[in-house]
Amino acid sequence: MTRPLDQFGRALARTPEGLKGRDPEFIRAMLPRFWLAAQIYFRAEVHGFENVPDEPVLFVGNHSGGANIPDTFVFTLAYHTYFTVEGRPLVALAHEIVVGMPVIGDMARKFGMVKAGRNVAADLLKEGANVLVYPGGDVEALRPWRDRNKIVFDGRKGFLKLAYEQRVKIVPVVAVGGQETFFVFNDGRKVAKLLRFDKLLRVKSLPLSLSFPWGLLPGDLPHIPFPAKIRIQVLPPIDLHELLGDDPDWDRAYGYVTSVMQVALSDLAAKTVVPVLG
């Protein structure tokens, strides 16, 4: 006879990594106060969730705010407020440094954040979860101030192949304001490569940044963000099979998705009258 504990153990082993760490009770308890804080501090606005189809999707976003990931914080809160905690689970893919941080990493894992990986994402989509990915990674999150309203995916196309292979739609998500919560002065990719951070820590950018309380700093550490206004827009889904057919041209797909997102991001950025103040 199979014991219930054995059945539970096997079921847990089959559960994708991102869903194992997700804690619905924690999300339910923290959601009201976190969402209130986001609305007061970041004056958060999130629109377009009516564009999300009732099926597993791959959310693809532009990434801002350095180590603090304020855009992810706001989007995750808004998602659970709109769809409820009991709705389709959302799992965000993140750099291993983020999910490994004390306190912040633990909280992120409870909200459903997991170390980025293509196989992890594929398993989550197969299990019916929605997955949030930021193709630009740390290169985009640490892009210079002058590029704060630009899509910087650095030529990465893995998200396209993932969506195509799993036959899920891409739902683009654009956000402004996150890169105004601190200041980045330069493109730090050459420095990261020179110091071999790209090999040792999987960190592709090490720019000079200004944040509170650290002041000037190479790279970025968790900091107290400036209270910039964050606006997020969820765009209509993109069906890559409909776009590309049976012979995918990844360069064409990359150009199409990033151009759609750039147009929407520029429109969103035009609503900001004064940086940080909104």
C-alpha atoms as a PDB file:
ATOM      1  CA  MET A   1       0.000   0.000   0.000  1.00  0.00           C
ATOM      2  CA  THR A   2       1.287   3.444  -0.924  1.00  0.00           C
ATOM      3  CA  ARG A   3       1.461   5.806   2.006  1.00  0.00           C
ATOM      4  CA  PRO A   4       0.049   9.351   1.617  1.00  0.00           C
ATOM      5  CA  LEU A   5       3.451  10.799   2.536  1.00  0.00           C
ATOM      6  CA  ASP A   6       5.079   8.860  -0.297  1.00  0.00           C
ATOM      7  CA  GLN A   7       2.446  10.115  -2.731  1.00  0.00           C
ATOM      8  CA  PHE A   8       3.049  13.680  -1.565  1.00  0.00           C
ATOM      9  CA  GLY A   9       6.806  13.268  -1.964  1.00  0.00           C
ATOM     10  CA  ARG A  10       6.451  12.033  -5.550  1.00  0.00           C
ATOM     11  CA  ALA A  11       4.027  14.823  -6.371  1.00  0.00           C
ATOM     12  CA  LEU A  12       6.432  17.390  -4.962  1.00  0.00           C
ATOM     13  CA  ALA A  13       9.279  15.929  -6.987  1.00  0.00           C
ATOM     14  CA  ARG A  14       7.215  16.439 -10.151  1.00  0.00           C
ATOM     15  CA  THR A  15       6.371  20.043  -9.224  1.00  0.00           C
ATOM     16  CA  PRO A  16       8.424  22.609 -11.167  1.00  0.00           C
ATOM     17  CA  GLU A  17      11.003  24.427  -9.042  1.00  0.00           C
ATOM     18  CA  GLY A  18       9.271  27.794  -9.177  1.00  0.00           C
ATOM     19  CA  LEU A  19       6.007  26.389  -7.849  1.00  0.00           C
ATOM     20  CA  LYS A  20       7.682  24.572  -4.957  1.00  0.00           C
ATOM     21  CA  GLY A  21       8.902  27.804  -3.405  1.00  0.00           C
ATOM     22  CA  ARG A  22       5.760  29.824  -4.108  1.00  0.00           C
ATOM     23  CA  ASP A  23       3.799  30.454  -0.918  1.00  0.00           C
ATOM     24  CA  PRO A  24       0.157  31.427  -1.608  1.00  0.00           C
ATOM     25  CA  GLU A  25      -0.540  32.107   2.066  1.00  0.00           C
ATOM     26  CA  PHE A  26       2.404  34.490   2.262  1.00  0.00           C
ATOM     27  CA  ILE A  27       1.293  36.261  -0.930  1.00  0.00           C
ATOM     28  CA  ARG A  28      -2.273  36.557   0.366  1.00  0.00           C
ATOM     29  CA  ALA A  29      -1.089  37.998   3.694  1.00  0.00           C
ATOM     30  CA  MET A  30       1.422  40.479   2.262  1.00  0.00           C
ATOM     31  CA  LEU A  31      -0.403  41.561  -0.904  1.00  0.00           C
ATOM     32  CA  PRO A  32      -2.654  44.323   0.557  1.00  0.00           C
ATOM     33  CA  ARG A  33       0.137  46.138   2.417  1.00  0.00           C
ATOM     34  CA  PHE A  34       2.707  45.722  -0.369  1.00  0.00           C
ATOM     35  CA  TRP A  35       0.288  46.909  -3.054  1.00  0.00           C
ATOM     36  CA  LEU A  36      -0.682  49.902  -0.904  1.00  0.00           C
ATOM     37  CA  ALA A  37       3.007  50.721  -0.419  1.00  0.00           C
ATOM     38  CA  ALA A  38       3.641  50.445  -4.173  1.00  0.00           C
ATOM     39  CA  GLN A  39       0.739  52.759  -4.937  1.00  0.00           C
ATOM     40  CA  ILE A  40       1.862  55.343  -2.384  1.00  0.00           C
ATOM     41  CA  TYR A  41       5.628  55.223  -2.928  1.00  0.00           C
ATOM     42  CA  PHE A  42       5.819  54.492  -6.667  1.00  0.00           C
ATOM     43  CA  ARG A  43       2.319  55.806  -7.545  1.00  0.00           C
ATOM     44  CA  ALA A  44       2.081  52.590  -9.518  1.00  0.00           C
ATOM     45  CA  GLU A  45      -0.160  52.273 -12.563  1.00  0.00           C
ATOM     46  CA  VAL A  46      -0.604  48.944 -14.348  1.00  0.00           C
ATOM     47  CA  HIS A  47      -2.933  48.589 -17.321  1.00  0.00           C
ATOM     48  CA  GLY A  48      -3.765  45.961 -19.927  1.00  0.00           C
ATOM     49  CA  PHE A  49      -4.367  42.742 -17.997  1.00  0.00           C
ATOM     50  CA  GLU A  50      -7.506  42.265 -20.101  1.00  0.00           C
ATOM     51  CA  ASN A  51      -5.075  41.407 -22.942  1.00  0.00           C
ATOM     52  CA  VAL A  52      -3.916  38.226 -21.169  1.00  0.00           C
ATOM     53  CA  PRO A  53      -5.551  35.100 -22.683  1.00  0.00           C
ATOM     54  CA  ASP A  54      -6.930  32.324 -20.496  1.00  0.00           C
ATOM     55  CA  GLU A  55      -4.031  29.955 -21.152  1.00  0.00           C
ATOM     56  CA  PRO A  56      -0.377  29.723 -20.090  1.00  0.00           C
ATOM     57  CA  VAL A  57       1.642  32.618 -21.533  1.00  0.00           C
ATOM     58  CA  LEU A  58       5.195  33.903 -21.504  1.00  0.00           C
ATOM     59  CA  PHE A  59       5.278  37.481 -20.218  1.00  0.00           C
ATOM     60  CA  VAL A  60       8.281  39.265 -21.741  1.00  0.00           C
ATOM     61  CA  GLY A  61       9.290  42.523 -20.081  1.00  0.00           C
ATOM     62  CA  ASN A  62      11.895  45.253 -20.189  1.00  0.00           C
ATOM     63  CA  HIS A  63      13.904  45.305 -16.978  1.00  0.00           C
ATOM     64  CA  SER A  64      14.837  48.319 -14.844  1.00  0.00           C
ATOM     65  CA  GLY A  65      15.980  49.374 -11.405  1.00  0.00           C
ATOM     66  CA  GLY A  66      19.124  47.334 -10.831  1.00  0.00           C
ATOM     67  CA  ALA A  67      19.228  44.974  -7.849  1.00  0.00           C
ATOM     68  CA  ASN A  68      15.910  46.248  -6.448  1.00  0.00           C
ATOM     69  CA  ILE A  69      13.828  45.107  -9.459  1.00  0.00           C
ATOM     70  CA  PRO A  70      10.975  47.568  -8.680  1.00  0.00           C
ATOM     71  CA  ASP A  71       9.209  46.871 -11.973  1.00  0.00           C
ATOM     72  CA  THR A  72       9.008  43.159 -11.127  1.00  0.00           C
ATOM     73  CA  PHE A  73       7.765  44.013  -7.643  1.00  0.00           C
ATOM     74  CA  VAL A  74       4.971  46.239  -8.987  1.00  0.00           C
ATOM     75  CA  PHE A  75       3.980  43.873 -11.810  1.00  0.00           C
ATOM     76  CA  THR A  76       3.820  40.843  -9.507  1.00  0.00           C
ATOM     77  CA  LEU A  77       1.642  42.695  -6.994  1.00  0.00           C
ATOM     78  CA  ALA A  78      -0.668  44.012  -9.716  1.00  0.00           C
ATOM     79  CA  TYR A  79      -0.941  40.551 -11.299  1.00  0.00           C
ATOM     80  CA  HIS A  80      -2.064  38.920  -8.063  1.00  0.00           C
ATOM     81  CA  THR A  81      -4.427  41.803  -7.311  1.00  0.00           C
ATOM     82  CA  TYR A  82      -6.084  41.444 -10.717  1.00  0.00           C
ATOM     83  CA  PHE A  83      -6.095  37.647 -11.119  1.00  0.00           C
ATOM     84  CA  THR A  84      -6.170  36.811  -7.356  1.00  0.00           C
ATOM     85  CA  VAL A  85      -3.707  34.525  -5.584  1.00  0.00           C
ATOM     86  CA  GLU A  86      -5.847  31.492  -6.427  1.00  0.00           C
ATOM     87  CA  GLY A  87      -5.751  32.224 -10.166  1.00  0.00           C
ATOM     88  CA  ARG A  88      -3.142  30.969 -12.612  1.00  0.00           C
ATOM     89  CA  PRO A  89       0.215  31.064 -10.760  1.00  0.00           C
ATOM     90  CA  LEU A  90       2.853  33.515 -11.942  1.00  0.00           C
ATOM     91  CA  VAL A  91       6.537  32.626 -11.736  1.00  0.00           C
ATOM     92  CA  ALA A  92       9.262  35.152 -12.568  1.00  0.00           C
ATOM     93  CA  LEU A  93      12.692  34.080 -13.780  1.00  0.00           C
ATOM     94  CA  ALA A  94      15.518  35.984 -12.082  1.00  0.00           C
ATOM     95  CA  HIS A  95      19.300  36.135 -11.865  1.00  0.00           C
ATOM     96  CA  GLU A  96      20.715  33.701  -9.310  1.00  0.00           C
ATOM     97  CA  ILE A  97      22.155  36.613  -7.300  1.00  0.00           C
ATOM     98  CA  VAL A  98      18.651  38.042  -6.739  1.00  0.00           C
ATOM     99  CA  VAL A  99      17.045  34.803  -5.543  1.00  0.00           C
ATOM    100  CA  GLY A 100      20.122  34.078  -3.417  1.00  0.00           C
ATOM    101  CA  MET A 101      20.024  37.353  -1.461  1.00  0.00           C
ATOM    102  CA  PRO A 102      19.217  37.245   2.267  1.00  0.00           C
ATOM    103  CA  VAL A 103      15.685  38.470   3.081  1.00  0.00           C
ATOM    104  CA  ILE A 104      14.996  39.841  -0.432  1.00  0.00           C
ATOM    105  CA  GLY A 105      15.699  36.467  -2.041  1.00  0.00           C
ATOM    106  CA  ASP A 106      13.538  34.605   0.464  1.00  0.00           C
ATOM    107  CA  MET A 107      10.646  36.984  -0.112  1.00  0.00           C
ATOM    108  CA  ALA A 108      11.120  36.746  -3.889  1.00  0.00           C
ATOM    109  CA  ARG A 109      10.977  32.936  -3.806  1.00  0.00           C
ATOM    110  CA  LYS A 110       7.761  33.008  -1.762  1.00  0.00           C
ATOM    111  CA  PHE A 111       6.210  35.242  -4.417  1.00  0.00           C
ATOM    112  CA  GLY A 112       7.188  32.687  -7.049  1.00  0.00           C
ATOM    113  CA  MET A 113      10.551  33.928  -8.287  1.00  0.00           C
ATOM    114  CA  VAL A 114      13.082  31.336  -9.356  1.00  0.00           C
ATOM    115  CA  LYS A 115      16.575  31.169 -10.839  1.00  0.00           C
ATOM    116  CA  ALA A 116      16.337  31.692 -14.583  1.00  0.00           C
ATOM    117  CA  GLY A 117      16.659  28.630 -16.779  1.00  0.00           C
ATOM    118  CA  ARG A 118      15.078  27.525 -20.056  1.00  0.00           C
ATOM    119  CA  ASN A 119      14.204  24.043 -18.815  1.00  0.00           C
ATOM    120  CA  VAL A 120      12.692  25.478 -15.637  1.00  0.00           C
ATOM    121  CA  ALA A 121      10.539  27.827 -17.697  1.00  0.00           C
ATOM    122  CA  ALA A 122       9.439  25.023 -20.020  1.00  0.00           C
ATOM    123  CA  ASP A 123       8.366  22.838 -17.069  1.00  0.00           C
ATOM    124  CA  LEU A 124       6.397  25.720 -15.550  1.00  0.00           C
ATOM    125  CA  LEU A 125       4.538  26.422 -18.786  1.00  0.00           C
ATOM    126  CA  LYS A 126       3.719  22.722 -19.176  1.00  0.00           C
ATOM    127  CA  GLU A 127       2.234  22.752 -15.675  1.00  0.00           C
ATOM    128  CA  GLY A 128      -0.038  25.664 -16.605  1.00  0.00           C
ATOM    129  CA  ALA A 129       1.800  28.552 -14.938  1.00  0.00           C
ATOM    130  CA  ASN A 130       2.364  31.948 -16.489  1.00  0.00           C
ATOM    131  CA  VAL A 131       6.060  32.777 -16.698  1.00  0.00           C
ATOM    132  CA  LEU A 132       7.667  36.233 -16.574  1.00  0.00           C
ATOM    133  CA  VAL A 133      11.053  36.651 -18.225  1.00  0.00           C
ATOM    134  CA  TYR A 134      13.373  39.620 -18.762  1.00  0.00           C
ATOM    135  CA  PRO A 135      15.614  38.810 -21.751  1.00  0.00           C
ATOM    136  CA  GLY A 136      17.801  41.882 -21.157  1.00  0.00           C
ATOM    137  CA  GLY A 137      18.790  40.655 -17.695  1.00  0.00           C
ATOM    138  CA  ASP A 138      21.390  42.688 -15.824  1.00  0.00           C
ATOM    139  CA  VAL A 139      22.550  44.404 -19.037  1.00  0.00           C
ATOM    140  CA  GLU A 140      19.144  46.075 -19.324  1.00  0.00           C
ATOM    141  CA  ALA A 141      18.573  46.540 -15.584  1.00  0.00           C
ATOM    142  CA  LEU A 142      21.917  48.399 -15.398  1.00  0.00           C
ATOM    143  CA  ARG A 143      21.648  50.323 -18.670  1.00  0.00           C
ATOM    144  CA  PRO A 144      22.729  53.993 -18.614  1.00  0.00           C
ATOM    145  CA  TRP A 145      20.321  56.797 -17.696  1.00  0.00           C
ATOM    146  CA  ARG A 146      20.323  58.008 -21.317  1.00  0.00           C
ATOM    147  CA  ASP A 147      18.900  54.622 -22.385  1.00  0.00           C
ATOM    148  CA  ARG A 148      16.298  54.352 -19.609  1.00  0.00           C
ATOM    149  CA  ASN A 149      13.432  54.313 -22.117  1.00  0.00           C
ATOM    150  CA  LYS A 150      15.009  51.868 -24.559  1.00  0.00           C
ATOM    151  CA  ILE A 151      14.482  48.130 -24.971  1.00  0.00           C
ATOM    152  CA  VAL A 152      17.917  46.542 -24.472  1.00  0.00           C
ATOM    153  CA  PHE A 153      17.649  42.776 -24.947  1.00  0.00           C
ATOM    154  CA  ASP A 154      21.291  42.570 -26.110  1.00  0.00           C
ATOM    155  CA  GLY A 155      20.369  40.270 -29.004  1.00  0.00           C
ATOM    156  CA  ARG A 156      19.097  37.472 -26.743  1.00  0.00           C
ATOM    157  CA  LYS A 157      16.567  35.267 -28.509  1.00  0.00           C
ATOM    158  CA  GLY A 158      16.122  32.320 -26.136  1.00  0.00           C
ATOM    159  CA  PHE A 159      12.703  33.575 -25.007  1.00  0.00           C
ATOM    160  CA  LEU A 160      11.459  33.370 -28.609  1.00  0.00           C
ATOM    161  CA  LYS A 161      12.556  29.756 -29.007  1.00  0.00           C
ATOM    162  CA  LEU A 162      11.027  28.883 -25.638  1.00  0.00           C
ATOM    163  CA  ALA A 163       7.616  30.322 -26.565  1.00  0.00           C
ATOM    164  CA  TYR A 164       7.719  28.730 -30.012  1.00  0.00           C
ATOM    165  CA  GLU A 165       8.707  25.265 -28.758  1.00  0.00           C
ATOM    166  CA  GLN A 166       6.116  25.304 -25.960  1.00  0.00           C
ATOM    167  CA  ARG A 167       3.456  26.740 -28.298  1.00  0.00           C
ATOM    168  CA  VAL A 168       2.546  29.547 -25.914  1.00  0.00           C
ATOM    169  CA  LYS A 169       1.859  33.158 -26.772  1.00  0.00           C
ATOM    170  CA  ILE A 170       4.208  35.960 -25.817  1.00  0.00           C
ATOM    171  CA  VAL A 171       2.554  38.771 -23.857  1.00  0.00           C
ATOM    172  CA  PRO A 172       4.867  41.822 -23.923  1.00  0.00           C
ATOM    173  CA  VAL A 173       5.033  44.001 -20.804  1.00  0.00           C
ATOM    174  CA  VAL A 174       6.624  47.459 -20.934  1.00  0.00           C
ATOM    175  CA  ALA A 175       7.477  49.588 -17.898  1.00  0.00           C
ATOM    176  CA  VAL A 176       8.886  53.045 -17.248  1.00  0.00           C
ATOM    177  CA  GLY A 177      10.112  54.622 -14.026  1.00  0.00           C
ATOM    178  CA  GLY A 178      12.179  51.768 -12.648  1.00  0.00           C
ATOM    179  CA  GLN A 179      15.413  53.120 -14.102  1.00  0.00           C
ATOM    180  CA  GLU A 180      14.707  56.438 -12.352  1.00  0.00           C
ATOM    181  CA  THR A 181      14.839  54.840  -8.890  1.00  0.00           C
ATOM    182  CA  PHE A 182      18.649  55.144  -9.087  1.00  0.00           C
ATOM    183  CA  PHE A 183      21.124  56.558 -11.625  1.00  0.00           C
ATOM    184  CA  VAL A 184      23.486  54.687 -13.944  1.00  0.00           C
ATOM    185  CA  PHE A 185      26.161  56.765 -15.650  1.00  0.00           C
ATOM    186  CA  ASN A 186      27.763  54.454 -18.189  1.00  0.00           C
ATOM    187  CA  ASP A 187      27.624  51.127 -19.999  1.00  0.00           C
ATOM    188  CA  GLY A 188      29.565  48.715 -17.783  1.00  0.00           C
ATOM    189  CA  ARG A 189      29.829  45.719 -20.095  1.00  0.00           C
ATOM    190  CA  LYS A 190      33.503  46.219 -20.947  1.00  0.00           C
ATOM    191  CA  VAL A 191      34.427  46.541 -17.267  1.00  0.00           C
ATOM    192  CA  ALA A 192      32.529  43.358 -16.343  1.00  0.00           C
ATOM    193  CA  LYS A 193      34.295  41.466 -19.115  1.00  0.00           C
ATOM    194  CA  LEU A 194      37.708  42.868 -18.164  1.00  0.00           C
ATOM    195  CA  LEU A 195      37.244  41.741 -14.537  1.00  0.00           C
ATOM    196  CA  ARG A 196      35.812  38.390 -15.729  1.00  0.00           C
ATOM    197  CA  PHE A 197      32.581  39.010 -13.835  1.00  0.00           C
ATOM    198  CA  ASP A 198      30.757  37.649 -16.877  1.00  0.00           C
ATOM    199  CA  LYS A 199      32.466  34.277 -16.309  1.00  0.00           C
ATOM    200  CA  LEU A 200      32.724  34.201 -12.512  1.00  0.00           C
ATOM    201  CA  LEU A 201      29.351  35.671 -11.481  1.00  0.00           C
ATOM    202  CA  ARG A 202      27.340  35.664 -14.732  1.00  0.00           C
ATOM    203  CA  VAL A 203      27.228  39.467 -14.382  1.00  0.00           C
ATOM    204  CA  LYS A 204      27.456  41.111 -17.806  1.00  0.00           C
ATOM    205  CA  SER A 205      27.482  44.761 -16.716  1.00  0.00           C
ATOM    206  CA  LEU A 206      29.395  46.675 -14.031  1.00  0.00           C
ATOM    207  CA  PRO A 207      28.662  50.387 -14.555  1.00  0.00           C
ATOM    208  CA  LEU A 208      29.112  53.339 -12.209  1.00  0.00           C
ATOM    209  CA  SER A 209      25.836  53.990 -10.377  1.00  0.00           C
ATOM    210  CA  LEU A 210      24.470  56.447  -7.834  1.00  0.00           C
ATOM    211  CA  SER A 211      22.028  55.230  -5.200  1.00  0.00           C
ATOM    212  CA  PHE A 212      21.019  55.828  -1.599  1.00  0.00           C
ATOM    213  CA  PRO A 213      22.688  55.152   0.835  1.00  0.00           C
ATOM    214  CA  TRP A 214      25.698  53.862  -1.129  1.00  0.00           C
ATOM    215  CA  GLY A 215      26.469  56.944  -3.211  1.00  0.00           C
ATOM    216  CA  LEU A 216      28.748  56.230  -6.184  1.00  0.00           C
ATOM    217  CA  LEU A 217      29.279  52.518  -6.609  1.00  0.00           C
ATOM    218  CA  PRO A 218      30.576  50.150  -9.300  1.00  0.00           C
ATOM    219  CA  GLY A 219      27.588  48.004 -10.206  1.00  0.00           C
ATOM    220  CA  ASP A 220      24.660  48.036  -7.796  1.00  0.00           C
ATOM    221  CA  LEU A 221      23.594  46.755  -4.388  1.00  0.00           C
ATOM    222  CA  PRO A 222      20.094  46.645  -2.867  1.00  0.00           C
ATOM    223  CA  HIS A 223      19.350  50.272  -2.080  1.00  0.00           C
ATOM    224  CA  ILE A 224      16.570  52.621  -1.036  1.00  0.00           C
ATOM    225  CA  PRO A 225      14.942  53.521  -4.363  1.00  0.00           C
ATOM    226  CA  PHE A 226      14.052  57.061  -5.309  1.00  0.00           C
ATOM    227  CA  PRO A 227      10.232  57.385  -5.364  1.00  0.00           C
ATOM    228  CA  ALA A 228       9.896  57.476  -9.147  1.00  0.00           C
ATOM    229  CA  LYS A 229       6.470  56.922 -10.689  1.00  0.00           C
ATOM    230  CA  ILE A 230       6.219  53.469 -12.258  1.00  0.00           C
ATOM    231  CA  ARG A 231       3.872  52.886 -15.191  1.00  0.00           C
ATOM    232  CA  ILE A 232       3.370  49.433 -16.703  1.00  0.00           C
ATOM    233  CA  GLN A 233       1.414  48.446 -19.815  1.00  0.00           C
ATOM    234  CA  VAL A 234       0.514  44.866 -20.751  1.00  0.00           C
ATOM    235  CA  LEU A 235       0.285  44.518 -24.543  1.00  0.00           C
ATOM    236  CA  PRO A 236      -1.806  42.168 -26.738  1.00  0.00           C
ATOM    237  CA  PRO A 237      -0.390  38.638 -27.134  1.00  0.00           C
ATOM    238  CA  ILE A 238       1.894  37.619 -29.985  1.00  0.00           C
ATOM    239  CA  ASP A 239       1.493  34.153 -31.530  1.00  0.00           C
ATOM    240  CA  LEU A 240       4.888  33.191 -32.969  1.00  0.00           C
ATOM    241  CA  HIS A 241       3.492  30.200 -34.863  1.00  0.00           C
ATOM    242  CA  GLU A 242       1.041  32.518 -36.575  1.00  0.00           C
ATOM    243  CA  LEU A 243       3.818  35.024 -37.252  1.00  0.00           C
ATOM    244  CA  LEU A 244       6.579  32.641 -38.347  1.00  0.00           C
ATOM    245  CA  GLY A 245       4.867  29.482 -39.573  1.00  0.00           C
ATOM    246  CA  ASP A 246       6.886  26.239 -39.671  1.00  0.00           C
ATOM    247  CA  ASP A 247      10.187  27.828 -40.678  1.00  0.00           C
ATOM    248  CA  PRO A 248      11.015  30.387 -37.972  1.00  0.00           C
ATOM    249  CA  ASP A 249      13.292  33.319 -38.722  1.00  0.00           C
ATOM    250  CA  TRP A 250      14.537  34.263 -35.252  1.00  0.00           C
ATOM    251  CA  ASP A 251      16.044  37.565 -36.365  1.00  0.00           C
ATOM    252  CA  ARG A 252      12.703  38.604 -37.836  1.00  0.00           C
ATOM    253  CA  ALA A 253      10.858  37.504 -34.688  1.00  0.00           C
ATOM    254  CA  TYR A 254      13.336  39.354 -32.467  1.00  0.00           C
ATOM    255  CA  GLY A 255      12.998  42.512 -34.525  1.00  0.00           C
ATOM    256  CA  TYR A 256       9.216  42.316 -34.501  1.00  0.00           C
ATOM    257  CA  VAL A 257       8.801  41.753 -30.745  1.00  0.00           C
ATOM    258  CA  THR A 258      11.369  44.360 -29.720  1.00  0.00           C
ATOM    259  CA  SER A 259       9.942  46.961 -32.139  1.00  0.00           C
ATOM    260  CA  VAL A 260       6.390  46.410 -30.833  1.00  0.00           C
ATOM    261  CA  MET A 261       7.688  46.825 -27.302  1.00  0.00           C
ATOM    262  CA  GLN A 262       9.802  49.880 -28.147  1.00  0.00           C
ATOM    263  CA  VAL A 263       6.858  51.723 -29.692  1.00  0.00           C
ATOM    264  CA  ALA A 264       4.730  50.995 -26.623  1.00  0.00           C
ATOM    265  CA  LEU A 265       7.565  51.914 -24.245  1.00  0.00           C
ATOM    266  CA  SER A 266       8.132  55.241 -26.009  1.00  0.00           C
ATOM    267  CA  ASP A 267       4.414  56.015 -25.781  1.00  0.00           C
ATOM    268  CA  LEU A 268       4.450  55.199 -22.083  1.00  0.00           C
ATOM    269  CA  ALA A 269       7.593  57.264 -21.478  1.00  0.00           C
ATOM    270  CA  ALA A 270       5.951  60.269 -23.162  1.00  0.00           C
ATOM    271  CA  LYS A 271       3.549  60.466 -20.221  1.00  0.00           C
ATOM    272  CA  THR A 272       6.424  61.313 -17.859  1.00  0.00           C
ATOM    273  CA  VAL A 273       6.715  65.082 -17.596  1.00  0.00           C
ATOM    274  CA  VAL A 274       9.638  65.234 -15.124  1.00  0.00           C
ATOM    275  CA  PRO A 275      11.897  62.216 -14.380  1.00  0.00           C
ATOM    276  CA  VAL A 276      11.377  60.721 -10.898  1.00  0.00           C
ATOM    277  CA  LEU A 277       8.429  63.059 -10.237  1.00  0.00           C
ATOM    278  CA  GLY A 278       6.368  61.498 -13.036  1.00  0.00           C
END
